[in-house]
Amino acid sequence: MISQKHRFHGQKAITRVYRQGQAVRGSQMSLKYLRSNRVEQFRVAVVVSRKVHKSAVVRNRIRRRIYEALREMAPQIIQPWDLVFVVYSDEMAETAYIKLQSDLQSMLEKAGIIS
């Protein structure tokens, strides 16, 4: 799991990313991102709607898998960014972990967050 210092606290910051941020869209999820000058480290939120899957167990599994993949990539993200991942597909719960990591890596590279 990703550490507490890399998580959002409160709805206002997430709303700010939705309104002012840029987007990169993948096949099963999208990334909204915004450069942050309020904190020293990056912050991440993963949004999995009930429309994706009715079961909270599956939605939480998707969220945990993305957080874990991002935790492993954390040393590559050196600048303070606000990142919000929005999941569109319930297939993320069954996707191979290596494919999930490569999708996240390519989205972060497209956004210019990692090199």
PDB file of N, CA and C in Angstrom:
ATOM      1  N   MET A   1       0.831  -1.180   0.000  1.00  0.00           N
ATOM      2  CA  MET A   1       0.000   0.000   0.000  1.00  0.00           C
ATOM      3  C   MET A   1       0.877   1.245   0.000  1.00  0.00           C
ATOM      4  N   ILE A   2       0.389   2.272  -0.582  1.00  0.00           N
ATOM      5  CA  ILE A   2       1.150   3.519  -0.662  1.00  0.00           C
ATOM      6  C   ILE A   2       1.076   4.239   0.681  1.00  0.00           C
ATOM      7  N   SER A   3       2.118   4.971   1.021  1.00  0.00           N
ATOM      8  CA  SER A   3       2.165   5.574   2.351  1.00  0.00           C
ATOM      9  C   SER A   3       1.171   6.728   2.485  1.00  0.00           C
ATOM     10  N   GLN A   4       0.888   7.083   3.696  1.00  0.00           N
ATOM     11  CA  GLN A   4      -0.109   8.103   4.014  1.00  0.00           C
ATOM     12  C   GLN A   4       0.285   9.480   3.477  1.00  0.00           C
ATOM     13  N   LYS A   5       1.574   9.770   3.412  1.00  0.00           N
ATOM     14  CA  LYS A   5       2.012  11.089   2.942  1.00  0.00           C
ATOM     15  C   LYS A   5       1.791  11.262   1.444  1.00  0.00           C
ATOM     16  N   HIS A   6       1.539  10.165   0.726  1.00  0.00           N
ATOM     17  CA  HIS A   6       1.295  10.240  -0.709  1.00  0.00           C
ATOM     18  C   HIS A   6      -0.190  10.160  -1.059  1.00  0.00           C
ATOM     19  N   ARG A   7      -1.053  10.329  -0.081  1.00  0.00           N
ATOM     20  CA  ARG A   7      -2.497  10.278  -0.333  1.00  0.00           C
ATOM     21  C   ARG A   7      -3.119  11.652  -0.200  1.00  0.00           C
ATOM     22  N   PHE A   8      -4.247  11.824  -0.857  1.00  0.00           N
ATOM     23  CA  PHE A   8      -5.003  13.066  -0.744  1.00  0.00           C
ATOM     24  C   PHE A   8      -5.743  13.105   0.582  1.00  0.00           C
ATOM     25  N   HIS A   9      -5.914  14.310   1.104  1.00  0.00           N
ATOM     26  CA  HIS A   9      -6.705  14.505   2.308  1.00  0.00           C
ATOM     27  C   HIS A   9      -7.721  15.587   2.005  1.00  0.00           C
ATOM     28  N   GLY A  10      -8.967  15.194   1.895  1.00  0.00           N
ATOM     29  CA  GLY A  10     -10.026  16.150   1.606  1.00  0.00           C
ATOM     30  C   GLY A  10     -10.412  16.152   0.140  1.00  0.00           C
ATOM     31  N   GLN A  11     -11.598  16.612  -0.131  1.00  0.00           N
ATOM     32  CA  GLN A  11     -12.166  16.601  -1.471  1.00  0.00           C
ATOM     33  C   GLN A  11     -11.716  17.790  -2.313  1.00  0.00           C
ATOM     34  N   LYS A  12     -11.335  18.895  -1.688  1.00  0.00           N
ATOM     35  CA  LYS A  12     -11.001  20.104  -2.439  1.00  0.00           C
ATOM     36  C   LYS A  12      -9.808  19.911  -3.364  1.00  0.00           C
ATOM     37  N   ALA A  13      -8.806  19.204  -2.911  1.00  0.00           N
ATOM     38  CA  ALA A  13      -7.618  18.984  -3.736  1.00  0.00           C
ATOM     39  C   ALA A  13      -7.942  18.129  -4.958  1.00  0.00           C
ATOM     40  N   ILE A  14      -8.773  17.129  -4.782  1.00  0.00           N
ATOM     41  CA  ILE A  14      -9.159  16.275  -5.908  1.00  0.00           C
ATOM     42  C   ILE A  14      -9.996  17.072  -6.896  1.00  0.00           C
ATOM     43  N   THR A  15     -10.894  17.895  -6.404  1.00  0.00           N
ATOM     44  CA  THR A  15     -11.709  18.739  -7.273  1.00  0.00           C
ATOM     45  C   THR A  15     -10.826  19.702  -8.064  1.00  0.00           C
ATOM     46  N   ARG A  16      -9.792  20.216  -7.432  1.00  0.00           N
ATOM     47  CA  ARG A  16      -8.860  21.115  -8.111  1.00  0.00           C
ATOM     48  C   ARG A  16      -8.154  20.399  -9.266  1.00  0.00           C
ATOM     49  N   VAL A  17      -7.783  19.151  -9.074  1.00  0.00           N
ATOM     50  CA  VAL A  17      -7.143  18.380 -10.139  1.00  0.00           C
ATOM     51  C   VAL A  17      -8.127  18.131 -11.276  1.00  0.00           C
ATOM     52  N   TYR A  18      -9.369  17.807 -10.950  1.00  0.00           N
ATOM     53  CA  TYR A  18     -10.378  17.588 -11.980  1.00  0.00           C
ATOM     54  C   TYR A  18     -10.593  18.847 -12.820  1.00  0.00           C
ATOM     55  N   ARG A  19     -10.628  19.996 -12.193  1.00  0.00           N
ATOM     56  CA  ARG A  19     -10.928  21.247 -12.909  1.00  0.00           C
ATOM     57  C   ARG A  19      -9.734  21.793 -13.683  1.00  0.00           C
ATOM     58  N   GLN A  20      -8.559  21.775 -13.085  1.00  0.00           N
ATOM     59  CA  GLN A  20      -7.410  22.447 -13.680  1.00  0.00           C
ATOM     60  C   GLN A  20      -6.409  21.501 -14.326  1.00  0.00           C
ATOM     61  N   GLY A  21      -6.519  20.220 -14.065  1.00  0.00           N
ATOM     62  CA  GLY A  21      -5.510  19.276 -14.522  1.00  0.00           C
ATOM     63  C   GLY A  21      -5.669  18.871 -15.978  1.00  0.00           C
ATOM     64  N   GLN A  22      -4.649  18.212 -16.470  1.00  0.00           N
ATOM     65  CA  GLN A  22      -4.661  17.653 -17.808  1.00  0.00           C
ATOM     66  C   GLN A  22      -4.937  16.163 -17.705  1.00  0.00           C
ATOM     67  N   ALA A  23      -5.282  15.551 -18.847  1.00  0.00           N
ATOM     68  CA  ALA A  23      -5.678  14.145 -18.815  1.00  0.00           C
ATOM     69  C   ALA A  23      -4.897  13.329 -19.832  1.00  0.00           C
ATOM     70  N   VAL A  24      -4.641  12.082 -19.453  1.00  0.00           N
ATOM     71  CA  VAL A  24      -4.087  11.066 -20.336  1.00  0.00           C
ATOM     72  C   VAL A  24      -5.007   9.866 -20.204  1.00  0.00           C
ATOM     73  N   ARG A  25      -5.472   9.360 -21.337  1.00  0.00           N
ATOM     74  CA  ARG A  25      -6.424   8.263 -21.291  1.00  0.00           C
ATOM     75  C   ARG A  25      -5.783   6.973 -21.782  1.00  0.00           C
ATOM     76  N   GLY A  26      -6.023   5.919 -21.018  1.00  0.00           N
ATOM     77  CA  GLY A  26      -5.564   4.597 -21.395  1.00  0.00           C
ATOM     78  C   GLY A  26      -6.746   3.736 -21.804  1.00  0.00           C
ATOM     79  N   SER A  27      -6.518   2.454 -21.957  1.00  0.00           N
ATOM     80  CA  SER A  27      -7.589   1.562 -22.407  1.00  0.00           C
ATOM     81  C   SER A  27      -8.596   1.247 -21.300  1.00  0.00           C
ATOM     82  N   GLN A  28      -8.129   1.170 -20.037  1.00  0.00           N
ATOM     83  CA  GLN A  28      -9.011   0.792 -18.942  1.00  0.00           C
ATOM     84  C   GLN A  28      -9.134   1.854 -17.863  1.00  0.00           C
ATOM     85  N   MET A  29      -8.332   2.911 -17.976  1.00  0.00           N
ATOM     86  CA  MET A  29      -8.386   3.978 -16.981  1.00  0.00           C
ATOM     87  C   MET A  29      -7.801   5.249 -17.570  1.00  0.00           C
ATOM     88  N   SER A  30      -8.004   6.349 -16.866  1.00  0.00           N
ATOM     89  CA  SER A  30      -7.411   7.610 -17.285  1.00  0.00           C
ATOM     90  C   SER A  30      -6.680   8.234 -16.102  1.00  0.00           C
ATOM     91  N   LEU A  31      -5.808   9.163 -16.417  1.00  0.00           N
ATOM     92  CA  LEU A  31      -5.016   9.854 -15.416  1.00  0.00           C
ATOM     93  C   LEU A  31      -5.255  11.343 -15.558  1.00  0.00           C
ATOM     94  N   LYS A  32      -5.684  11.976 -14.488  1.00  0.00           N
ATOM     95  CA  LYS A  32      -5.757  13.432 -14.412  1.00  0.00           C
ATOM     96  C   LYS A  32      -4.587  13.857 -13.536  1.00  0.00           C
ATOM     97  N   TYR A  33      -3.818  14.837 -14.003  1.00  0.00           N
ATOM     98  CA  TYR A  33      -2.627  15.233 -13.262  1.00  0.00           C
ATOM     99  C   TYR A  33      -2.466  16.736 -13.277  1.00  0.00           C
ATOM    100  N   LEU A  34      -1.821  17.228 -12.234  1.00  0.00           N
ATOM    101  CA  LEU A  34      -1.593  18.655 -12.060  1.00  0.00           C
ATOM    102  C   LEU A  34      -0.331  18.835 -11.244  1.00  0.00           C
ATOM    103  N   ARG A  35       0.513  19.742 -11.675  1.00  0.00           N
ATOM    104  CA  ARG A  35       1.737  20.052 -10.918  1.00  0.00           C
ATOM    105  C   ARG A  35       1.341  20.751  -9.629  1.00  0.00           C
ATOM    106  N   SER A  36       1.898  20.309  -8.516  1.00  0.00           N
ATOM    107  CA  SER A  36       1.516  20.840  -7.218  1.00  0.00           C
ATOM    108  C   SER A  36       2.649  21.669  -6.632  1.00  0.00           C
ATOM    109  N   ASN A  37       2.300  22.831  -6.106  1.00  0.00           N
ATOM    110  CA  ASN A  37       3.292  23.620  -5.384  1.00  0.00           C
ATOM    111  C   ASN A  37       2.891  23.764  -3.917  1.00  0.00           C
ATOM    112  N   ARG A  38       1.921  22.985  -3.496  1.00  0.00           N
ATOM    113  CA  ARG A  38       1.437  23.033  -2.113  1.00  0.00           C
ATOM    114  C   ARG A  38       2.112  22.001  -1.215  1.00  0.00           C
ATOM    115  N   VAL A  39       2.564  20.916  -1.811  1.00  0.00           N
ATOM    116  CA  VAL A  39       3.221  19.854  -1.041  1.00  0.00           C
ATOM    117  C   VAL A  39       4.566  19.531  -1.677  1.00  0.00           C
ATOM    118  N   GLU A  40       5.430  18.833  -0.945  1.00  0.00           N
ATOM    119  CA  GLU A  40       6.764  18.508  -1.435  1.00  0.00           C
ATOM    120  C   GLU A  40       6.802  17.194  -2.203  1.00  0.00           C
ATOM    121  N   GLN A  41       5.816  16.311  -1.980  1.00  0.00           N
ATOM    122  CA  GLN A  41       5.806  14.999  -2.615  1.00  0.00           C
ATOM    123  C   GLN A  41       4.553  14.842  -3.458  1.00  0.00           C
ATOM    124  N   PHE A  42       4.574  13.826  -4.286  1.00  0.00           N
ATOM    125  CA  PHE A  42       3.384  13.570  -5.099  1.00  0.00           C
ATOM    126  C   PHE A  42       2.270  12.987  -4.240  1.00  0.00           C
ATOM    127  N   ARG A  43       1.044  13.213  -4.687  1.00  0.00           N
ATOM    128  CA  ARG A  43      -0.129  12.639  -4.021  1.00  0.00           C
ATOM    129  C   ARG A  43      -0.945  11.878  -5.060  1.00  0.00           C
ATOM    130  N   VAL A  44      -1.565  10.787  -4.642  1.00  0.00           N
ATOM    131  CA  VAL A  44      -2.290   9.914  -5.559  1.00  0.00           C
ATOM    132  C   VAL A  44      -3.667   9.604  -4.991  1.00  0.00           C
ATOM    133  N   ALA A  45      -4.653   9.571  -5.883  1.00  0.00           N
ATOM    134  CA  ALA A  45      -5.984   9.071  -5.547  1.00  0.00           C
ATOM    135  C   ALA A  45      -6.420   8.132  -6.672  1.00  0.00           C
ATOM    136  N   VAL A  46      -7.110   7.072  -6.314  1.00  0.00           N
ATOM    137  CA  VAL A  46      -7.650   6.138  -7.297  1.00  0.00           C
ATOM    138  C   VAL A  46      -9.160   6.121  -7.114  1.00  0.00           C
ATOM    139  N   VAL A  47      -9.878   6.456  -8.190  1.00  0.00           N
ATOM    140  CA  VAL A  47     -11.334   6.533  -8.148  1.00  0.00           C
ATOM    141  C   VAL A  47     -11.900   5.358  -8.932  1.00  0.00           C
ATOM    142  N   VAL A  48     -12.676   4.527  -8.238  1.00  0.00           N
ATOM    143  CA  VAL A  48     -13.342   3.394  -8.871  1.00  0.00           C
ATOM    144  C   VAL A  48     -14.822   3.521  -8.545  1.00  0.00           C
ATOM    145  N   SER A  49     -15.610   3.866  -9.536  1.00  0.00           N
ATOM    146  CA  SER A  49     -17.030   4.121  -9.345  1.00  0.00           C
ATOM    147  C   SER A  49     -17.817   2.827  -9.151  1.00  0.00           C
ATOM    148  N   ARG A  50     -18.980   2.958  -8.607  1.00  0.00           N
ATOM    149  CA  ARG A  50     -19.863   1.810  -8.466  1.00  0.00           C
ATOM    150  C   ARG A  50     -20.346   1.336  -9.836  1.00  0.00           C
ATOM    151  N   LYS A  51     -20.293   2.206 -10.833  1.00  0.00           N
ATOM    152  CA  LYS A  51     -20.650   1.805 -12.195  1.00  0.00           C
ATOM    153  C   LYS A  51     -19.659   0.792 -12.758  1.00  0.00           C
ATOM    154  N   VAL A  52     -18.436   0.820 -12.260  1.00  0.00           N
ATOM    155  CA  VAL A  52     -17.426  -0.129 -12.724  1.00  0.00           C
ATOM    156  C   VAL A  52     -17.775  -1.532 -12.254  1.00  0.00           C
ATOM    157  N   HIS A  53     -18.091  -1.661 -10.968  1.00  0.00           N
ATOM    158  CA  HIS A  53     -18.499  -2.954 -10.420  1.00  0.00           C
ATOM    159  C   HIS A  53     -19.336  -2.702  -9.176  1.00  0.00           C
ATOM    160  N   LYS A  54     -20.355  -3.487  -8.993  1.00  0.00           N
ATOM    161  CA  LYS A  54     -21.252  -3.286  -7.854  1.00  0.00           C
ATOM    162  C   LYS A  54     -20.635  -3.706  -6.530  1.00  0.00           C
ATOM    163  N   SER A  55     -19.730  -4.658  -6.584  1.00  0.00           N
ATOM    164  CA  SER A  55     -19.152  -5.201  -5.363  1.00  0.00           C
ATOM    165  C   SER A  55     -18.023  -4.311  -4.843  1.00  0.00           C
ATOM    166  N   ALA A  56     -18.113  -3.930  -3.587  1.00  0.00           N
ATOM    167  CA  ALA A  56     -17.057  -3.131  -2.964  1.00  0.00           C
ATOM    168  C   ALA A  56     -15.754  -3.917  -2.860  1.00  0.00           C
ATOM    169  N   VAL A  57     -15.858  -5.219  -2.739  1.00  0.00           N
ATOM    170  CA  VAL A  57     -14.674  -6.062  -2.657  1.00  0.00           C
ATOM    171  C   VAL A  57     -13.844  -5.937  -3.940  1.00  0.00           C
ATOM    172  N   VAL A  58     -14.505  -5.992  -5.078  1.00  0.00           N
ATOM    173  CA  VAL A  58     -13.810  -5.889  -6.362  1.00  0.00           C
ATOM    174  C   VAL A  58     -13.255  -4.486  -6.559  1.00  0.00           C
ATOM    175  N   ARG A  59     -14.035  -3.471  -6.218  1.00  0.00           N
ATOM    176  CA  ARG A  59     -13.558  -2.090  -6.361  1.00  0.00           C
ATOM    177  C   ARG A  59     -12.329  -1.851  -5.488  1.00  0.00           C
ATOM    178  N   ASN A  60     -12.328  -2.358  -4.273  1.00  0.00           N
ATOM    179  CA  ASN A  60     -11.176  -2.197  -3.383  1.00  0.00           C
ATOM    180  C   ASN A  60      -9.966  -2.980  -3.885  1.00  0.00           C
ATOM    181  N   ARG A  61     -10.193  -4.143  -4.491  1.00  0.00           N
ATOM    182  CA  ARG A  61      -9.087  -4.926  -5.055  1.00  0.00           C
ATOM    183  C   ARG A  61      -8.411  -4.137  -6.180  1.00  0.00           C
ATOM    184  N   ILE A  62      -9.211  -3.525  -7.038  1.00  0.00           N
ATOM    185  CA  ILE A  62      -8.669  -2.700  -8.122  1.00  0.00           C
ATOM    186  C   ILE A  62      -7.849  -1.559  -7.542  1.00  0.00           C
ATOM    187  N   ARG A  63      -8.394  -0.901  -6.562  1.00  0.00           N
ATOM    188  CA  ARG A  63      -7.716   0.242  -5.927  1.00  0.00           C
ATOM    189  C   ARG A  63      -6.390  -0.185  -5.286  1.00  0.00           C
ATOM    190  N   ARG A  64      -6.393  -1.280  -4.567  1.00  0.00           N
ATOM    191  CA  ARG A  64      -5.172  -1.769  -3.917  1.00  0.00           C
ATOM    192  C   ARG A  64      -4.102  -2.155  -4.923  1.00  0.00           C
ATOM    193  N   ARG A  65      -4.502  -2.780  -6.032  1.00  0.00           N
ATOM    194  CA  ARG A  65      -3.541  -3.189  -7.055  1.00  0.00           C
ATOM    195  C   ARG A  65      -2.866  -1.969  -7.681  1.00  0.00           C
ATOM    196  N   ILE A  66      -3.619  -0.924  -7.946  1.00  0.00           N
ATOM    197  CA  ILE A  66      -3.043   0.285  -8.543  1.00  0.00           C
ATOM    198  C   ILE A  66      -2.132   0.977  -7.543  1.00  0.00           C
ATOM    199  N   TYR A  67      -2.554   1.075  -6.294  1.00  0.00           N
ATOM    200  CA  TYR A  67      -1.702   1.685  -5.272  1.00  0.00           C
ATOM    201  C   TYR A  67      -0.381   0.926  -5.124  1.00  0.00           C
ATOM    202  N   GLU A  68      -0.428  -0.389  -5.179  1.00  0.00           N
ATOM    203  CA  GLU A  68       0.794  -1.183  -5.032  1.00  0.00           C
ATOM    204  C   GLU A  68       1.739  -0.963  -6.214  1.00  0.00           C
ATOM    205  N   ALA A  69       1.196  -0.931  -7.418  1.00  0.00           N
ATOM    206  CA  ALA A  69       2.038  -0.687  -8.588  1.00  0.00           C
ATOM    207  C   ALA A  69       2.661   0.707  -8.527  1.00  0.00           C
ATOM    208  N   LEU A  70       1.914   1.676  -8.048  1.00  0.00           N
ATOM    209  CA  LEU A  70       2.446   3.038  -7.917  1.00  0.00           C
ATOM    210  C   LEU A  70       3.479   3.124  -6.805  1.00  0.00           C
ATOM    211  N   ARG A  71       3.316   2.347  -5.772  1.00  0.00           N
ATOM    212  CA  ARG A  71       4.303   2.346  -4.686  1.00  0.00           C
ATOM    213  C   ARG A  71       5.660   1.891  -5.203  1.00  0.00           C
ATOM    214  N   GLU A  72       5.649   0.909  -6.091  1.00  0.00           N
ATOM    215  CA  GLU A  72       6.904   0.428  -6.661  1.00  0.00           C
ATOM    216  C   GLU A  72       7.533   1.454  -7.602  1.00  0.00           C
ATOM    217  N   MET A  73       6.718   2.299  -8.226  1.00  0.00           N
ATOM    218  CA  MET A  73       7.224   3.333  -9.135  1.00  0.00           C
ATOM    219  C   MET A  73       7.543   4.645  -8.427  1.00  0.00           C
ATOM    220  N   ALA A  74       7.262   4.745  -7.162  1.00  0.00           N
ATOM    221  CA  ALA A  74       7.405   6.000  -6.417  1.00  0.00           C
ATOM    222  C   ALA A  74       8.788   6.631  -6.503  1.00  0.00           C
ATOM    223  N   PRO A  75       9.887   5.875  -6.470  1.00  0.00           N
ATOM    224  CA  PRO A  75      11.201   6.532  -6.561  1.00  0.00           C
ATOM    225  C   PRO A  75      11.435   7.268  -7.884  1.00  0.00           C
ATOM    226  N   GLN A  76      10.699   6.902  -8.939  1.00  0.00           N
ATOM    227  CA  GLN A  76      10.852   7.555 -10.232  1.00  0.00           C
ATOM    228  C   GLN A  76      10.139   8.901 -10.294  1.00  0.00           C
ATOM    229  N   ILE A  77       9.165   9.122  -9.420  1.00  0.00           N
ATOM    230  CA  ILE A  77       8.399  10.379  -9.408  1.00  0.00           C
ATOM    231  C   ILE A  77       9.083  11.305  -8.413  1.00  0.00           C
ATOM    232  N   ILE A  78       9.852  12.254  -8.930  1.00  0.00           N
ATOM    233  CA  ILE A  78      10.657  13.085  -8.035  1.00  0.00           C
ATOM    234  C   ILE A  78      10.042  14.448  -7.771  1.00  0.00           C
ATOM    235  N   GLN A  79       9.174  14.928  -8.643  1.00  0.00           N
ATOM    236  CA  GLN A  79       8.581  16.250  -8.462  1.00  0.00           C
ATOM    237  C   GLN A  79       7.205  16.120  -7.837  1.00  0.00           C
ATOM    238  N   PRO A  80       6.712  17.178  -7.207  1.00  0.00           N
ATOM    239  CA  PRO A  80       5.383  17.106  -6.577  1.00  0.00           C
ATOM    240  C   PRO A  80       4.260  17.196  -7.614  1.00  0.00           C
ATOM    241  N   TRP A  81       3.529  16.125  -7.757  1.00  0.00           N
ATOM    242  CA  TRP A  81       2.392  16.053  -8.673  1.00  0.00           C
ATOM    243  C   TRP A  81       1.162  15.614  -7.894  1.00  0.00           C
ATOM    244  N   ASP A  82       0.012  16.053  -8.347  1.00  0.00           N
ATOM    245  CA  ASP A  82      -1.267  15.530  -7.873  1.00  0.00           C
ATOM    246  C   ASP A  82      -1.806  14.625  -8.970  1.00  0.00           C
ATOM    247  N   LEU A  83      -2.004  13.360  -8.662  1.00  0.00           N
ATOM    248  CA  LEU A  83      -2.413  12.360  -9.643  1.00  0.00           C
ATOM    249  C   LEU A  83      -3.736  11.742  -9.221  1.00  0.00           C
ATOM    250  N   VAL A  84      -4.692  11.695 -10.145  1.00  0.00           N
ATOM    251  CA  VAL A  84      -5.969  11.042  -9.891  1.00  0.00           C
ATOM    252  C   VAL A  84      -6.204  10.038 -11.014  1.00  0.00           C
ATOM    253  N   PHE A  85      -6.246   8.767 -10.659  1.00  0.00           N
ATOM    254  CA  PHE A  85      -6.528   7.705 -11.623  1.00  0.00           C
ATOM    255  C   PHE A  85      -8.005   7.371 -11.547  1.00  0.00           C
ATOM    256  N   VAL A  86      -8.677   7.394 -12.700  1.00  0.00           N
ATOM    257  CA  VAL A  86     -10.094   7.063 -12.782  1.00  0.00           C
ATOM    258  C   VAL A  86     -10.216   5.774 -13.580  1.00  0.00           C
ATOM    259  N   VAL A  87     -10.752   4.733 -12.953  1.00  0.00           N
ATOM    260  CA  VAL A  87     -10.858   3.412 -13.572  1.00  0.00           C
ATOM    261  C   VAL A  87     -12.207   3.297 -14.271  1.00  0.00           C
ATOM    262  N   TYR A  88     -12.180   2.750 -15.507  1.00  0.00           N
ATOM    263  CA  TYR A  88     -13.397   2.586 -16.304  1.00  0.00           C
ATOM    264  C   TYR A  88     -13.841   1.145 -16.458  1.00  0.00           C
ATOM    265  N   SER A  89     -12.950   0.207 -16.243  1.00  0.00           N
ATOM    266  CA  SER A  89     -13.240  -1.183 -16.565  1.00  0.00           C
ATOM    267  C   SER A  89     -13.043  -2.082 -15.351  1.00  0.00           C
ATOM    268  N   ASP A  90     -13.970  -3.014 -15.169  1.00  0.00           N
ATOM    269  CA  ASP A  90     -13.819  -3.967 -14.070  1.00  0.00           C
ATOM    270  C   ASP A  90     -12.795  -5.050 -14.402  1.00  0.00           C
ATOM    271  N   GLU A  91     -12.275  -5.066 -15.621  1.00  0.00           N
ATOM    272  CA  GLU A  91     -11.244  -6.027 -15.997  1.00  0.00           C
ATOM    273  C   GLU A  91      -9.925  -5.751 -15.277  1.00  0.00           C
ATOM    274  N   MET A  92      -9.806  -4.580 -14.675  1.00  0.00           N
ATOM    275  CA  MET A  92      -8.590  -4.244 -13.931  1.00  0.00           C
ATOM    276  C   MET A  92      -8.384  -5.193 -12.753  1.00  0.00           C
ATOM    277  N   ALA A  93      -9.433  -5.770 -12.233  1.00  0.00           N
ATOM    278  CA  ALA A  93      -9.312  -6.701 -11.112  1.00  0.00           C
ATOM    279  C   ALA A  93      -8.656  -8.007 -11.545  1.00  0.00           C
ATOM    280  N   GLU A  94      -8.789  -8.365 -12.825  1.00  0.00           N
ATOM    281  CA  GLU A  94      -8.265  -9.635 -13.328  1.00  0.00           C
ATOM    282  C   GLU A  94      -7.064  -9.467 -14.246  1.00  0.00           C
ATOM    283  N   THR A  95      -6.709  -8.232 -14.582  1.00  0.00           N
ATOM    284  CA  THR A  95      -5.578  -7.987 -15.468  1.00  0.00           C
ATOM    285  C   THR A  95      -4.287  -8.451 -14.805  1.00  0.00           C
ATOM    286  N   ALA A  96      -3.396  -9.006 -15.604  1.00  0.00           N
ATOM    287  CA  ALA A  96      -2.099  -9.440 -15.080  1.00  0.00           C
ATOM    288  C   ALA A  96      -1.362  -8.237 -14.496  1.00  0.00           C
ATOM    289  N   TYR A  97      -0.669  -8.469 -13.394  1.00  0.00           N
ATOM    290  CA  TYR A  97      -0.012  -7.380 -12.679  1.00  0.00           C
ATOM    291  C   TYR A  97       1.054  -6.706 -13.537  1.00  0.00           C
ATOM    292  N   ILE A  98       1.751  -7.458 -14.354  1.00  0.00           N
ATOM    293  CA  ILE A  98       2.781  -6.890 -15.223  1.00  0.00           C
ATOM    294  C   ILE A  98       2.150  -5.965 -16.257  1.00  0.00           C
ATOM    295  N   LYS A  99       0.988  -6.342 -16.794  1.00  0.00           N
ATOM    296  CA  LYS A  99       0.271  -5.477 -17.749  1.00  0.00           C
ATOM    297  C   LYS A  99      -0.205  -4.210 -17.057  1.00  0.00           C
ATOM    298  N   LEU A 100      -0.683  -4.338 -15.840  1.00  0.00           N
ATOM    299  CA  LEU A 100      -1.113  -3.172 -15.067  1.00  0.00           C
ATOM    300  C   LEU A 100       0.053  -2.209 -14.858  1.00  0.00           C
ATOM    301  N   GLN A 101       1.206  -2.740 -14.487  1.00  0.00           N
ATOM    302  CA  GLN A 101       2.387  -1.906 -14.293  1.00  0.00           C
ATOM    303  C   GLN A 101       2.805  -1.214 -15.583  1.00  0.00           C
ATOM    304  N   SER A 102       2.787  -1.938 -16.689  1.00  0.00           N
ATOM    305  CA  SER A 102       3.200  -1.326 -17.956  1.00  0.00           C
ATOM    306  C   SER A 102       2.209  -0.257 -18.403  1.00  0.00           C
ATOM    307  N   ASP A 103       0.908  -0.458 -18.161  1.00  0.00           N
ATOM    308  CA  ASP A 103      -0.090   0.568 -18.488  1.00  0.00           C
ATOM    309  C   ASP A 103       0.138   1.836 -17.664  1.00  0.00           C
ATOM    310  N   LEU A 104       0.372   1.663 -16.365  1.00  0.00           N
ATOM    311  CA  LEU A 104       0.634   2.817 -15.509  1.00  0.00           C
ATOM    312  C   LEU A 104       1.914   3.534 -15.932  1.00  0.00           C
ATOM    313  N   GLN A 105       2.939   2.759 -16.247  1.00  0.00           N
ATOM    314  CA  GLN A 105       4.215   3.342 -16.667  1.00  0.00           C
ATOM    315  C   GLN A 105       4.035   4.156 -17.947  1.00  0.00           C
ATOM    316  N   SER A 106       3.314   3.620 -18.910  1.00  0.00           N
ATOM    317  CA  SER A 106       3.138   4.342 -20.176  1.00  0.00           C
ATOM    318  C   SER A 106       2.299   5.605 -19.980  1.00  0.00           C
ATOM    319  N   MET A 107       1.297   5.553 -19.119  1.00  0.00           N
ATOM    320  CA  MET A 107       0.487   6.745 -18.861  1.00  0.00           C
ATOM    321  C   MET A 107       1.318   7.831 -18.180  1.00  0.00           C
ATOM    322  N   LEU A 108       2.134   7.447 -17.214  1.00  0.00           N
ATOM    323  CA  LEU A 108       2.985   8.417 -16.529  1.00  0.00           C
ATOM    324  C   LEU A 108       4.046   8.995 -17.464  1.00  0.00           C
ATOM    325  N   GLU A 109       4.534   8.189 -18.399  1.00  0.00           N
ATOM    326  CA  GLU A 109       5.495   8.691 -19.376  1.00  0.00           C
ATOM    327  C   GLU A 109       4.840   9.660 -20.343  1.00  0.00           C
ATOM    328  N   LYS A 110       3.626   9.354 -20.796  1.00  0.00           N
ATOM    329  CA  LYS A 110       2.899  10.263 -21.695  1.00  0.00           C
ATOM    330  C   LYS A 110       2.652  11.610 -21.027  1.00  0.00           C
ATOM    331  N   ALA A 111       2.382  11.577 -19.741  1.00  0.00           N
ATOM    332  CA  ALA A 111       2.104  12.803 -19.002  1.00  0.00           C
ATOM    333  C   ALA A 111       3.383  13.575 -18.690  1.00  0.00           C
ATOM    334  N   GLY A 112       4.533  12.941 -18.844  1.00  0.00           N
ATOM    335  CA  GLY A 112       5.794  13.611 -18.550  1.00  0.00           C
ATOM    336  C   GLY A 112       6.148  13.627 -17.073  1.00  0.00           C
ATOM    337  N   ILE A 113       5.554  12.734 -16.328  1.00  0.00           N
ATOM    338  CA  ILE A 113       5.788  12.678 -14.879  1.00  0.00           C
ATOM    339  C   ILE A 113       7.050  11.869 -14.575  1.00  0.00           C
ATOM    340  N   ILE A 114       7.267  10.796 -15.337  1.00  0.00           N
ATOM    341  CA  ILE A 114       8.509  10.035 -15.215  1.00  0.00           C
ATOM    342  C   ILE A 114       9.163   9.987 -16.592  1.00  0.00           C
ATOM    343  N   SER A 115      10.450   9.707 -16.615  1.00  0.00           N
ATOM    344  CA  SER A 115      11.151   9.657 -17.909  1.00  0.00           C
ATOM    345  C   SER A 115      11.431   8.226 -18.324  1.00  0.00           C
TER     346      SER A 115
END
